Protein backbone atom coordinates (compact mmCIF):
# COMPACT_ATOMS: atom_id res chain seq x y z
CA UNK A 1 56.76 -24.60 49.56
CA UNK A 2 54.06 -22.89 51.73
CA UNK A 3 50.87 -22.43 50.48
CA UNK A 4 50.25 -19.15 52.15
CA UNK A 5 51.74 -16.41 49.71
CA UNK A 6 50.60 -13.44 51.85
CA UNK A 7 46.78 -13.99 51.44
CA UNK A 8 44.84 -11.46 50.06
CA UNK A 9 42.35 -11.20 47.13
CA UNK A 10 44.63 -8.74 44.95
CA UNK A 11 47.86 -9.89 45.25
CA UNK A 12 51.19 -7.62 45.33
CA UNK A 13 53.72 -8.26 42.69
CA UNK A 14 56.27 -10.16 44.67
CA UNK A 15 53.65 -12.46 45.36
CA UNK A 16 52.00 -12.86 42.27
CA UNK A 17 55.53 -13.77 41.09
CA UNK A 18 55.52 -16.68 43.82
CA UNK A 19 52.09 -17.85 42.76
CA UNK A 20 53.28 -18.03 39.12
CA UNK A 21 56.49 -19.70 39.67
CA UNK A 22 53.95 -22.19 42.04
CA UNK A 23 51.53 -22.75 39.77
CA UNK A 24 53.96 -23.60 36.87
CA UNK A 25 55.84 -26.17 39.36
CA UNK A 26 52.36 -27.61 40.46
CA UNK A 27 51.12 -27.83 36.32
CA UNK A 28 53.78 -29.94 35.99
CA UNK A 29 52.52 -32.93 37.93
CA UNK A 30 50.57 -35.65 35.69
CA UNK A 31 48.66 -36.22 38.93
CA UNK A 32 46.42 -33.22 39.15
CA UNK A 33 43.41 -33.57 37.57
CA UNK A 34 42.97 -32.84 33.61
CA UNK A 35 41.85 -29.01 33.57
CA UNK A 36 44.70 -28.22 35.76
CA UNK A 37 47.64 -30.93 34.45
CA UNK A 38 50.20 -28.95 32.16
CA UNK A 39 48.10 -25.79 32.78
CA UNK A 40 49.56 -22.97 34.84
CA UNK A 41 47.03 -20.52 34.21
CA UNK A 42 44.20 -22.74 35.46
CA UNK A 43 46.80 -24.05 38.63
CA UNK A 44 46.94 -19.96 39.26
CA UNK A 45 43.26 -19.60 39.00
CA UNK A 46 42.99 -22.46 41.89
CA UNK A 47 45.74 -20.66 43.57
CA UNK A 48 43.64 -17.64 44.26
CA UNK A 49 40.76 -19.33 44.96
CA UNK A 50 42.85 -20.71 47.86
CA UNK A 51 43.55 -17.98 49.05
CA UNK A 52 40.48 -16.20 49.09
CA UNK A 53 38.69 -19.28 51.03
CA UNK A 54 41.87 -19.69 52.93
CA UNK A 55 42.29 -23.57 52.21
CA UNK A 56 45.22 -25.59 50.84
CA UNK A 57 45.62 -25.31 47.10
CA UNK A 58 45.41 -29.06 46.57
CA UNK A 59 42.05 -29.46 47.99
CA UNK A 60 40.69 -26.60 46.03
CA UNK A 61 41.79 -28.33 42.88
CA UNK A 62 40.68 -31.65 43.45
CA UNK A 63 37.11 -29.79 44.29
CA UNK A 64 36.92 -27.64 41.64
CA UNK A 65 35.27 -28.46 37.96
CA UNK A 66 33.86 -26.57 34.63
CA UNK A 67 30.82 -28.50 34.21
CA UNK A 68 30.93 -27.24 30.33
CA UNK A 69 32.99 -25.37 28.24
CA UNK A 70 32.44 -21.57 28.49
CA UNK A 71 30.59 -22.46 31.89
CA UNK A 72 30.57 -21.18 35.47
CA UNK A 73 33.18 -23.17 38.05
CA UNK A 74 31.71 -25.44 40.49
CA UNK A 75 32.96 -27.38 43.32
CA UNK A 76 32.37 -31.11 44.22
CA UNK A 77 29.45 -32.03 46.70
CA UNK A 78 31.79 -33.42 49.15
CA UNK A 79 33.83 -30.21 49.72
CA UNK A 80 30.64 -28.28 49.78
CA UNK A 81 29.36 -30.26 52.26
CA UNK A 82 32.52 -30.68 54.22
């Protein structure tokens, strides 16, 4: 499946349904980092970030983290440095 999904900051309904289906499927993988495995909502958020940054979804999923419950999302240093 392509990871482009008609990139925009506010997806249209068809793109949103495509994102939702992709997030649900991807969340089933036990290979995802713990905050994403079994959590299609978090995967959906990563899809949105990936779309805005024009990066592959798995790149963003593997770089994102939440330093503490309720805290802002962060990205691994390796991701930001390139």
